[in-house]
Protein backbone atom coordinates (compact mmCIF):
# COMPACT_ATOMS: atom_id res chain seq x y z
CA MET A 1 28.88 23.38 -35.34
CA GLY A 2 29.46 23.59 -39.02
CA ASP A 3 27.46 20.46 -39.81
CA GLY A 4 24.41 21.76 -37.95
CA THR A 5 24.72 19.39 -35.01
CA LEU A 6 25.02 20.50 -31.37
CA PRO A 7 28.31 20.14 -29.55
CA LYS A 8 28.67 17.38 -26.94
CA LEU A 9 29.30 19.35 -23.78
CA ILE A 10 31.38 16.60 -22.30
CA GLU A 11 33.83 17.15 -25.14
CA VAL A 12 34.11 20.92 -24.67
CA PRO A 13 37.01 21.69 -22.27
CA ALA A 14 36.01 25.31 -21.72
CA PHE A 15 32.49 24.26 -20.67
CA THR A 16 33.62 21.38 -18.42
CA GLU A 17 36.16 23.67 -16.70
CA PHE A 18 33.64 26.45 -16.18
CA ILE A 19 30.78 24.30 -14.89
CA ALA A 20 33.01 22.65 -12.36
CA GLN A 21 33.58 25.93 -10.55
CA GLY A 22 31.68 28.28 -8.26
CA TRP A 23 29.33 25.97 -6.41
CA ASP A 24 28.45 26.14 -2.72
CA SER A 25 28.09 22.91 -0.71
CA PRO A 26 24.38 22.45 0.14
CA ALA A 27 23.11 20.20 2.89
CA ARG A 28 23.14 16.58 1.74
CA THR A 29 22.33 14.62 4.92
CA PRO A 30 20.04 11.65 4.11
CA ASP A 31 16.44 12.45 4.94
CA LEU A 32 15.68 9.29 6.89
CA VAL A 33 12.44 8.67 8.72
CA PRO A 34 13.30 8.88 12.44
CA GLY A 35 13.90 5.40 13.88
CA ALA A 36 14.27 3.74 10.52
CA ALA A 37 17.92 2.81 10.92
CA ASP A 38 17.43 1.34 14.39
CA ALA A 39 14.36 -0.57 13.24
CA ALA A 40 16.29 -2.01 10.29
CA ALA A 41 19.13 -3.13 12.62
CA ALA A 42 16.60 -4.97 14.78
CA HIS A 43 15.09 -6.55 11.68
CA ARG A 44 18.54 -7.77 10.59
CA ALA A 45 19.01 -9.35 14.00
CA ARG A 46 15.70 -11.21 13.60
CA LEU A 47 16.78 -12.45 10.18
CA ALA A 48 20.17 -13.63 11.56
CA ALA A 49 18.33 -15.57 14.28
CA GLU A 50 16.16 -17.22 11.64
CA LEU A 51 19.06 -17.99 9.25
CA PRO A 52 22.13 -18.33 11.52
CA GLY A 53 25.41 -18.30 9.74
CA ARG A 54 23.89 -17.40 6.34
CA THR A 55 24.77 -14.39 4.24
CA VAL A 56 21.99 -12.86 2.14
CA VAL A 57 22.15 -10.35 -0.68
CA VAL A 58 19.17 -8.07 -1.39
CA ALA A 59 18.72 -5.22 -3.86
CA SER A 60 16.65 -2.02 -3.69
CA GLY A 61 15.54 -2.33 -7.35
CA ARG A 62 15.31 0.01 -10.34
CA ALA A 63 12.51 2.14 -11.62
CA PRO A 64 10.82 0.53 -14.62
CA VAL A 65 11.18 2.30 -17.95
CA ARG A 66 8.08 4.13 -19.10
CA SER A 67 9.44 5.00 -22.55
CA ASN A 68 12.89 5.69 -23.99
CA ASP A 69 14.83 7.54 -21.25
CA THR A 70 11.76 8.26 -19.11
CA ASP A 71 11.19 6.07 -16.07
CA TYR A 72 8.28 5.52 -13.72
CA GLU A 73 8.81 6.81 -10.22
CA PHE A 74 11.07 4.58 -8.15
CA ARG A 75 9.71 2.70 -5.13
CA VAL A 76 12.15 0.70 -3.06
CA ASP A 77 11.89 -3.09 -2.65
CA SER A 78 10.02 -3.73 0.60
CA ASP A 79 12.39 -6.42 1.93
CA PHE A 80 15.41 -4.21 1.22
CA TYR A 81 13.90 -1.30 3.10
CA TRP A 82 12.86 -3.53 6.01
CA LEU A 83 16.47 -4.68 6.35
CA THR A 84 18.32 -1.41 5.70
CA GLY A 85 16.07 1.64 6.24
CA CYS A 86 17.43 2.94 2.96
CA ALA A 87 15.26 3.87 -0.02
CA ALA A 88 18.00 4.57 -2.54
CA GLU A 89 17.65 3.24 -6.08
CA ASN A 90 20.05 0.69 -7.60
CA ALA A 91 21.56 -0.33 -4.23
CA VAL A 92 22.72 -3.77 -3.00
CA ALA A 93 23.09 -4.95 0.59
CA VAL A 94 25.12 -7.88 1.73
CA ILE A 95 23.89 -9.01 5.16
CA GLY A 96 25.36 -11.60 7.47
CA ASP A 97 25.03 -12.24 11.21
CA GLY A 98 23.00 -9.02 11.51
CA GLU A 99 25.74 -6.86 9.99
CA ALA A 100 25.31 -5.15 6.64
CA THR A 101 27.46 -3.67 3.93
CA LEU A 102 25.56 -1.39 1.59
CA TYR A 103 26.71 -0.72 -1.95
CA LEU A 104 25.43 2.52 -3.43
CA PRO A 105 26.06 4.47 -6.64
CA PRO A 106 27.95 7.62 -5.56
CA PRO A 107 26.49 10.98 -6.51
CA ALA A 108 28.12 12.97 -9.33
CA ARG A 109 29.04 16.34 -7.88
CA PRO A 110 30.62 19.54 -9.27
CA GLY A 111 33.97 18.60 -10.85
CA ASP A 112 32.69 15.19 -11.99
CA LEU A 113 31.69 14.98 -15.60
CA GLY A 114 28.57 13.15 -14.52
CA PHE A 115 27.48 16.25 -12.61
CA PHE A 116 25.92 17.56 -15.82
CA ALA A 117 26.21 14.52 -18.13
CA ASP A 118 24.51 11.84 -16.00
CA SER A 119 20.78 12.34 -15.73
CA VAL A 120 20.44 9.56 -13.15
CA TYR A 121 23.09 10.50 -10.58
CA GLY A 122 24.26 13.98 -11.65
CA GLU A 123 23.35 16.58 -9.03
CA LEU A 124 22.62 19.12 -11.76
CA TRP A 125 19.75 16.80 -12.81
CA VAL A 126 18.54 15.26 -9.56
CA GLY A 127 19.58 17.77 -6.91
CA PRO A 128 22.02 17.50 -3.98
CA SER A 129 22.57 13.88 -3.00
CA PRO A 130 24.21 12.32 0.12
CA SER A 131 27.74 11.03 -0.13
CA LEU A 132 28.53 7.45 0.83
CA PRO A 133 30.06 8.47 4.23
CA GLU A 134 26.87 10.48 4.92
CA TRP A 135 24.75 7.42 4.13
CA SER A 136 26.95 5.32 6.40
CA ALA A 137 26.67 7.73 9.30
CA ALA A 138 22.87 7.94 8.98
CA LEU A 139 22.25 4.19 8.55
CA GLY A 140 24.91 2.90 10.94
CA VAL A 141 26.26 0.47 8.40
CA LYS A 142 29.33 0.20 6.14
CA VAL A 143 28.68 1.83 2.74
CA GLU A 144 30.83 1.24 -0.33
CA PRO A 145 30.60 2.33 -3.99
CA LEU A 146 28.36 0.12 -6.09
CA ALA A 147 31.26 -0.44 -8.49
CA GLU A 148 33.07 -2.33 -5.70
CA PHE A 149 30.32 -4.89 -5.42
CA ALA A 150 32.07 -7.87 -7.01
CA GLY A 151 29.04 -10.08 -6.85
CA PRO A 152 27.45 -12.21 -4.13
CA PRO A 153 29.89 -13.91 -1.78
CA ALA A 154 30.24 -17.68 -2.18
CA GLY A 155 27.34 -19.48 -0.57
CA ALA A 156 25.22 -16.36 -0.15
CA VAL A 157 21.46 -16.42 -0.65
CA VAL A 158 20.65 -14.01 -3.41
CA ALA A 159 17.18 -12.53 -3.30
CA TRP A 160 16.86 -12.04 -7.03
CA ALA A 161 18.09 -15.52 -7.97
CA GLU A 162 15.58 -18.06 -9.30
CA ASP A 163 16.48 -20.92 -7.02
CA ASP A 164 15.18 -22.67 -3.92
CA ASP A 165 17.38 -20.61 -1.58
CA ALA A 166 15.92 -17.39 -2.90
CA GLN A 167 12.41 -18.74 -2.47
CA GLU A 168 13.22 -19.73 1.09
CA LEU A 169 14.64 -16.25 1.79
CA ALA A 170 11.45 -14.65 0.43
CA ARG A 171 9.37 -16.90 2.68
CA VAL A 172 11.45 -16.21 5.78
CA LEU A 173 11.30 -12.46 5.25
CA ALA A 174 7.55 -12.53 4.57
CA GLU A 175 6.83 -14.48 7.75
CA LEU A 176 9.17 -12.31 9.86
CA ARG A 177 7.37 -9.24 8.58
CA MET A 178 4.00 -10.57 9.80
CA ILE A 179 4.79 -9.44 13.34
CA LYS A 180 5.23 -5.65 13.46
CA ASP A 181 7.42 -4.05 16.10
CA GLU A 182 6.52 -0.79 17.88
CA TRP A 183 8.21 1.36 15.25
CA GLU A 184 6.32 -0.35 12.46
CA VAL A 185 3.00 0.01 14.29
CA ALA A 186 3.70 3.72 14.69
CA GLN A 187 4.25 4.00 10.91
CA LEU A 188 0.98 2.20 10.22
CA ARG A 189 -0.92 4.44 12.67
CA GLU A 190 0.43 7.46 10.76
CA ALA A 191 -0.60 5.88 7.47
CA VAL A 192 -4.14 5.23 8.70
CA ASP A 193 -4.49 8.66 10.24
CA ARG A 194 -3.42 10.37 7.00
CA THR A 195 -5.76 8.12 5.06
CA VAL A 196 -8.71 9.13 7.21
CA GLU A 197 -7.82 12.76 6.53
CA GLY A 198 -7.59 11.94 2.82
CA PHE A 199 -11.14 10.54 2.90
CA ALA A 200 -12.41 13.85 4.24
CA ALA A 201 -10.53 15.72 1.51
CA VAL A 202 -12.10 13.54 -1.14
CA LEU A 203 -15.66 13.87 0.14
CA ALA A 204 -15.33 17.64 0.20
CA GLU A 205 -14.68 17.49 -3.56
CA ILE A 206 -17.86 15.50 -4.41
CA PRO A 207 -19.71 18.63 -5.66
CA ALA A 208 -16.83 19.38 -8.04
CA ALA A 209 -16.76 15.76 -9.24
CA VAL A 210 -20.52 15.74 -9.84
CA ALA A 211 -20.19 18.96 -11.83
CA GLY A 212 -18.02 17.30 -14.42
CA PRO A 213 -14.67 15.62 -13.80
CA GLY A 214 -16.23 12.60 -12.05
CA GLU A 215 -14.35 9.73 -10.44
CA ARG A 216 -10.95 10.79 -11.70
CA TRP A 217 -11.22 14.13 -9.90
CA LEU A 218 -11.75 12.32 -6.60
CA GLN A 219 -8.93 9.81 -7.30
CA GLY A 220 -6.62 12.74 -8.11
CA THR A 221 -7.66 14.53 -4.94
CA PHE A 222 -6.60 11.55 -2.81
CA ASP A 223 -3.39 11.06 -4.78
CA ARG A 224 -2.49 14.70 -4.26
CA TYR A 225 -3.20 14.43 -0.53
CA ALA A 226 -1.13 11.24 -0.24
CA ARG A 227 1.83 12.81 -2.02
CA ALA A 228 1.59 15.97 0.07
CA TYR A 229 1.42 14.17 3.44
CA GLY A 230 3.19 10.87 2.69
CA ASN A 231 5.14 9.07 0.04
CA GLY A 232 2.06 8.80 -2.14
CA PRO A 233 -0.84 6.37 -2.49
CA GLY A 234 -0.01 2.88 -1.28
CA TYR A 235 -1.81 1.40 -4.29
CA ALA A 236 -3.98 2.62 -7.10
CA ALA A 237 -7.02 4.15 -5.34
CA VAL A 238 -10.40 2.62 -6.15
CA VAL A 239 -13.06 5.24 -6.77
CA GLY A 240 -16.20 3.51 -7.92
CA SER A 241 -19.41 5.49 -8.35
CA GLY A 242 -22.74 3.99 -9.19
CA ALA A 243 -22.50 0.90 -11.37
CA HIS A 244 -18.66 0.95 -11.05
CA ALA A 245 -18.81 0.28 -7.31
CA PRO A 246 -19.29 -3.49 -7.71
CA THR A 247 -16.06 -3.78 -9.78
CA LEU A 248 -13.53 -4.91 -7.19
CA HIS A 249 -10.49 -3.09 -8.58
CA TRP A 250 -12.06 -0.14 -10.37
CA THR A 251 -8.86 1.89 -10.72
CA ARG A 252 -9.65 3.31 -14.19
CA CYS A 253 -11.83 5.90 -12.44
CA ASP A 254 -13.07 7.34 -15.69
CA GLY A 255 -16.76 7.47 -14.94
CA PRO A 256 -19.12 10.19 -13.73
CA VAL A 257 -20.26 10.75 -10.15
CA ARG A 258 -24.01 11.25 -10.01
CA PRO A 259 -26.35 12.39 -7.24
CA GLY A 260 -28.25 9.55 -5.60
CA GLU A 261 -25.60 6.95 -6.30
CA LEU A 262 -23.18 5.21 -3.97
CA LEU A 263 -19.47 6.03 -3.98
CA LEU A 264 -17.08 3.26 -2.98
CA LEU A 265 -13.68 4.56 -1.89
CA ASP A 266 -10.82 2.11 -1.29
CA MET A 267 -7.72 4.14 -0.55
CA GLY A 268 -4.49 4.19 1.46
CA VAL A 269 -1.71 6.69 2.12
CA GLU A 270 1.80 5.29 2.07
CA THR A 271 4.02 7.11 4.59
CA ARG A 272 7.51 8.23 3.87
CA SER A 273 8.59 5.03 5.62
CA HIS A 274 6.70 3.09 2.90
CA TYR A 275 4.06 1.59 5.27
CA THR A 276 0.58 1.86 3.87
CA ALA A 277 -2.99 1.93 5.08
CA ASP A 278 -5.88 0.21 3.24
CA VAL A 279 -9.34 1.54 4.15
CA THR A 280 -12.69 1.36 2.42
CA ARG A 281 -16.00 3.04 3.00
CA THR A 282 -19.07 3.39 0.78
CA PHE A 283 -20.69 6.79 0.90
CA PRO A 284 -23.97 8.18 -0.44
CA VAL A 285 -23.07 10.83 -3.00
CA SER A 286 -25.97 13.03 -1.97
CA GLY A 287 -25.50 12.49 1.75
CA ALA A 288 -28.32 9.97 2.30
CA PHE A 289 -28.78 6.33 1.47
CA SER A 290 -31.86 5.19 -0.39
CA PRO A 291 -33.82 2.35 1.38
CA VAL A 292 -32.33 -0.36 -0.84
CA GLN A 293 -28.82 1.06 -0.63
CA ARG A 294 -29.12 1.08 3.14
CA GLN A 295 -30.43 -2.49 3.12
CA VAL A 296 -27.26 -3.67 1.38
CA HIS A 297 -24.99 -1.53 3.56
CA ASP A 298 -26.59 -2.76 6.75
CA LEU A 299 -25.98 -6.41 5.76
CA VAL A 300 -22.34 -5.71 4.93
CA GLU A 301 -22.00 -3.82 8.20
CA ARG A 302 -23.30 -6.83 10.18
CA ALA A 303 -20.86 -9.08 8.35
CA HIS A 304 -18.03 -6.64 8.99
CA ARG A 305 -18.71 -6.42 12.71
CA ALA A 306 -18.96 -10.19 12.97
CA GLY A 307 -15.62 -10.55 11.25
CA MET A 308 -13.86 -7.95 13.37
CA ALA A 309 -15.15 -9.62 16.50
CA GLN A 310 -13.09 -12.67 15.60
CA VAL A 311 -9.75 -10.85 15.42
CA ALA A 312 -7.76 -11.73 18.54
CA PRO A 313 -4.57 -13.57 19.46
CA GLY A 314 -4.85 -17.33 19.26
CA ARG A 315 -7.80 -17.24 16.87
CA ARG A 316 -7.42 -18.96 13.54
CA TRP A 317 -6.79 -16.57 10.63
CA THR A 318 -9.84 -17.91 8.82
CA ASP A 319 -12.18 -17.28 11.74
CA PHE A 320 -13.07 -13.72 10.70
CA HIS A 321 -13.59 -14.89 7.11
CA HIS A 322 -16.04 -17.57 8.12
CA ALA A 323 -17.89 -15.31 10.56
CA ALA A 324 -18.43 -12.62 7.98
CA MET A 325 -19.39 -15.11 5.25
CA GLU A 326 -21.99 -16.73 7.45
CA VAL A 327 -23.73 -13.38 7.95
CA ILE A 328 -23.60 -12.68 4.23
CA ALA A 329 -24.97 -16.09 3.31
CA HIS A 330 -27.90 -15.80 5.74
CA GLY A 331 -28.73 -12.35 4.48
CA LEU A 332 -28.68 -13.34 0.85
CA HIS A 333 -30.84 -16.36 1.63
CA ASP A 334 -33.34 -14.16 3.41
CA TRP A 335 -33.49 -12.01 0.27
CA GLY A 336 -34.17 -15.06 -1.87
CA LEU A 337 -30.89 -14.79 -3.82
CA LEU A 338 -29.45 -18.20 -2.99
CA PRO A 339 -30.55 -21.26 -5.03
CA VAL A 340 -29.67 -23.57 -2.13
CA SER A 341 -29.83 -23.62 1.63
CA VAL A 342 -27.44 -21.61 3.78
CA ASP A 343 -25.67 -24.73 4.94
CA GLU A 344 -25.11 -25.91 1.34
CA ALA A 345 -23.94 -22.46 0.25
CA LEU A 346 -21.43 -22.32 3.13
CA SER A 347 -20.10 -25.82 2.45
CA ASP A 348 -16.79 -26.30 0.62
CA GLN A 349 -18.77 -27.80 -2.27
CA GLY A 350 -21.23 -24.90 -2.45
CA GLN A 351 -20.07 -21.30 -2.02
CA HIS A 352 -23.01 -19.95 -3.98
CA HIS A 353 -23.02 -16.75 -1.90
CA ARG A 354 -19.53 -15.98 -3.20
CA ARG A 355 -21.01 -15.01 -6.56
CA TYR A 356 -21.64 -11.62 -4.89
CA LEU A 357 -18.40 -11.66 -2.87
CA ALA A 358 -15.80 -13.54 -4.86
CA CYS A 359 -12.72 -11.94 -3.28
CA GLY A 360 -11.07 -12.64 0.02
CA ILE A 361 -12.08 -10.48 2.95
CA GLY A 362 -8.83 -9.75 4.65
CA HIS A 363 -5.06 -9.76 4.41
CA HIS A 364 -1.85 -8.75 6.19
CA LEU A 365 -0.89 -5.06 5.96
CA GLY A 366 2.46 -3.36 6.26
CA LEU A 367 5.13 -2.29 3.78
CA ASP A 368 2.92 -3.80 1.07
CA VAL A 369 -0.79 -3.41 0.88
CA HIS A 370 -1.04 -7.17 0.53
CA ASP A 371 1.79 -7.78 2.94
CA CYS A 372 3.63 -11.05 3.56
CA ALA A 373 2.20 -12.61 0.39
CA ARG A 374 5.12 -14.99 -0.06
CA SER A 375 4.50 -16.74 3.21
CA ARG A 376 3.69 -20.44 3.30
CA PRO A 377 -0.11 -21.16 3.27
CA GLN A 378 0.21 -22.81 6.70
CA ALA A 379 1.86 -19.68 8.05
CA TYR A 380 -0.78 -17.35 6.52
CA HIS A 381 -4.31 -18.67 6.11
CA GLY A 382 -3.52 -21.78 8.14
CA ALA A 383 -2.01 -19.90 11.09
CA ARG A 384 -3.37 -18.34 14.23
CA MET A 385 -3.30 -14.66 14.88
CA ALA A 386 -0.64 -13.22 17.16
CA PRO A 387 0.01 -9.85 18.79
CA GLY A 388 1.73 -7.45 16.40
CA MET A 389 -0.09 -8.61 13.30
CA VAL A 390 -1.82 -5.88 11.38
CA LEU A 391 -4.54 -6.97 9.05
CA THR A 392 -7.65 -5.83 7.16
CA VAL A 393 -11.20 -7.01 7.43
CA GLU A 394 -13.21 -6.14 4.30
CA PRO A 395 -16.44 -7.91 3.47
CA GLY A 396 -18.69 -6.51 0.76
CA LEU A 397 -21.57 -7.20 -1.59
CA TYR A 398 -21.20 -6.58 -5.34
CA PHE A 399 -24.31 -6.66 -7.49
CA HIS A 400 -23.26 -5.90 -11.03
CA ALA A 401 -25.55 -3.95 -13.26
CA HIS A 402 -25.65 -6.83 -15.78
CA ASP A 403 -26.25 -9.59 -13.24
CA ARG A 404 -29.70 -11.05 -13.99
CA THR A 405 -29.75 -13.19 -10.84
CA VAL A 406 -30.56 -10.15 -8.68
CA PRO A 407 -33.67 -7.97 -8.88
CA PRO A 408 -33.41 -4.70 -10.83
CA GLU A 409 -33.38 -2.52 -7.71
CA LEU A 410 -30.14 -4.22 -6.53
CA ARG A 411 -28.30 -4.13 -9.82
CA GLY A 412 -25.41 -1.70 -9.89
CA ILE A 413 -25.03 -1.51 -6.08
CA GLY A 414 -21.63 -2.26 -4.61
CA VAL A 415 -20.74 -1.87 -0.91
CA ARG A 416 -17.45 -2.62 0.82
CA ILE A 417 -16.37 -1.80 4.38
CA GLU A 418 -12.68 -2.23 5.24
CA ASP A 419 -10.83 -1.45 8.44
CA ASP A 420 -7.22 -1.90 9.53
CA LEU A 421 -6.77 -3.85 12.78
CA LEU A 422 -3.80 -4.40 15.10
CA VAL A 423 -3.85 -7.66 17.02
CA THR A 424 -3.05 -6.88 20.62
CA ALA A 425 -2.21 -9.06 23.64
CA ASP A 426 -5.87 -9.43 24.60
CA GLY A 427 -7.87 -8.57 21.45
CA ALA A 428 -7.59 -6.11 18.63
CA GLU A 429 -7.48 -2.36 18.05
CA VAL A 430 -9.26 -0.84 15.06
CA LEU A 431 -6.69 1.62 13.77
CA SER A 432 -9.21 3.16 11.37
CA ALA A 433 -11.97 3.60 13.92
CA ALA A 434 -12.05 7.41 13.30
CA LEU A 435 -14.19 6.80 10.23
CA PRO A 436 -17.89 6.06 10.82
CA LEU A 437 -19.01 2.52 10.23
CA ASP A 438 -22.80 2.52 10.27
CA ALA A 439 -25.07 4.00 7.61
CA ALA A 440 -26.38 6.81 9.80
CA GLY A 441 -22.86 7.82 10.80
CA LEU A 442 -21.71 7.75 7.19
CA GLU A 443 -24.62 9.99 6.21
CA SER A 444 -23.79 12.53 8.90
CA TYR A 445 -20.08 12.42 8.02
CA THR A 446 -20.76 12.87 4.30
CA GLN A 447 -23.07 15.79 4.91
CA ALA A 448 -20.48 17.40 7.20
CA GLN A 449 -17.78 17.16 4.49
CA LEU A 450 -20.19 18.45 1.87
CA GLY A 451 -20.68 21.56 3.98
CA GLY A 452 -24.45 21.19 4.17
CA GLN A 453 -24.84 20.65 0.42
CA GLY A 454 -26.09 17.06 0.87
CA GLU A 455 -29.59 15.81 1.32
CA PRO A 456 -30.93 15.55 4.92
CA ARG A 457 -31.67 12.16 6.29
């Protein structure tokens, strides 16, 4: 243009006419996870039974802005997905008596100005997108344009409102999601299996990490695997080497990986259905534990096995916590690290052993890594386990490098073991049992992934 500015294409008739022509019609069928629509229908029926006669309104959410017109990657709201099976952004669902109407932003296709002018919904920007009738056929629900959503119906419970009804809806959904159906369990099995494969991929890269890139190389390895074989990582992977291993949520992963140190890996693949695993193992970087490293690992392993033994229907949720903590407290007392007796440490007024294990040692698992978090305390920690629950057991010991209450040889050692368990009718199944648990097994496993480059036991 004469003034040096670029023309606005939307205002150029020749361009808009030309770009509207000559396009084939690519496949646009929604790429749903098999069974997702049927599972969502069953979930809506469970909600209707819990809130008879009530209408609820839930939203899928929007990707947060990273900067200017650049967003972070979108991840659908877990309750919305559980109820609809749809992972579309900026969608609203109105649900009553088990029936749903979904409001979606229509795609901008050739012939629409938004086709090239709308970077959010224009197919020239984001690729071929399903039409609303295609969404309806795939999901088995009525689908309308988002512009026709006139607001929540009178008396509806609105998930994003800040009122008591919204809090109650959040509670109801969280507690319903505690019990996984067969489809959900299958998604979690897949998530765990992929995670176990991801662990092997990470260990194979230890020599490369030691050579220079360090923890971040290993974190990136798992993230790449999770994105290749799932939706991505279910949470920021913890890769803690050496003195970083005792830091509970070491997600910065900007340190080196050194021979002779321990490597704590807390990772989970989120499947395309958005269910995630959450598994932790602590490996010897060089393929063999030192005597003091093994001493710590063996104590954590005993606590872990004691905790898992308490996972069964009818048991109190806190049983596995207390069982693991008792083993930890006795072990620390035997090492001379407790300033009081074991009984005093384990009392509600003591808890001295928790200096080295301040976090909880288990949680529900599902669409969220810390699933069902908005449940009532009496329905979570105060409840009894039931078939269909999926949970983690994850005791550890964390001796920080700057902790002067432990002897020098223990400082900088962190060990966590975490497995994912399904509560069954008569006990529990360890979904992550494919990974070794004991120190000797972890040494052999590490050496196998290193291709013989590790130290012999």
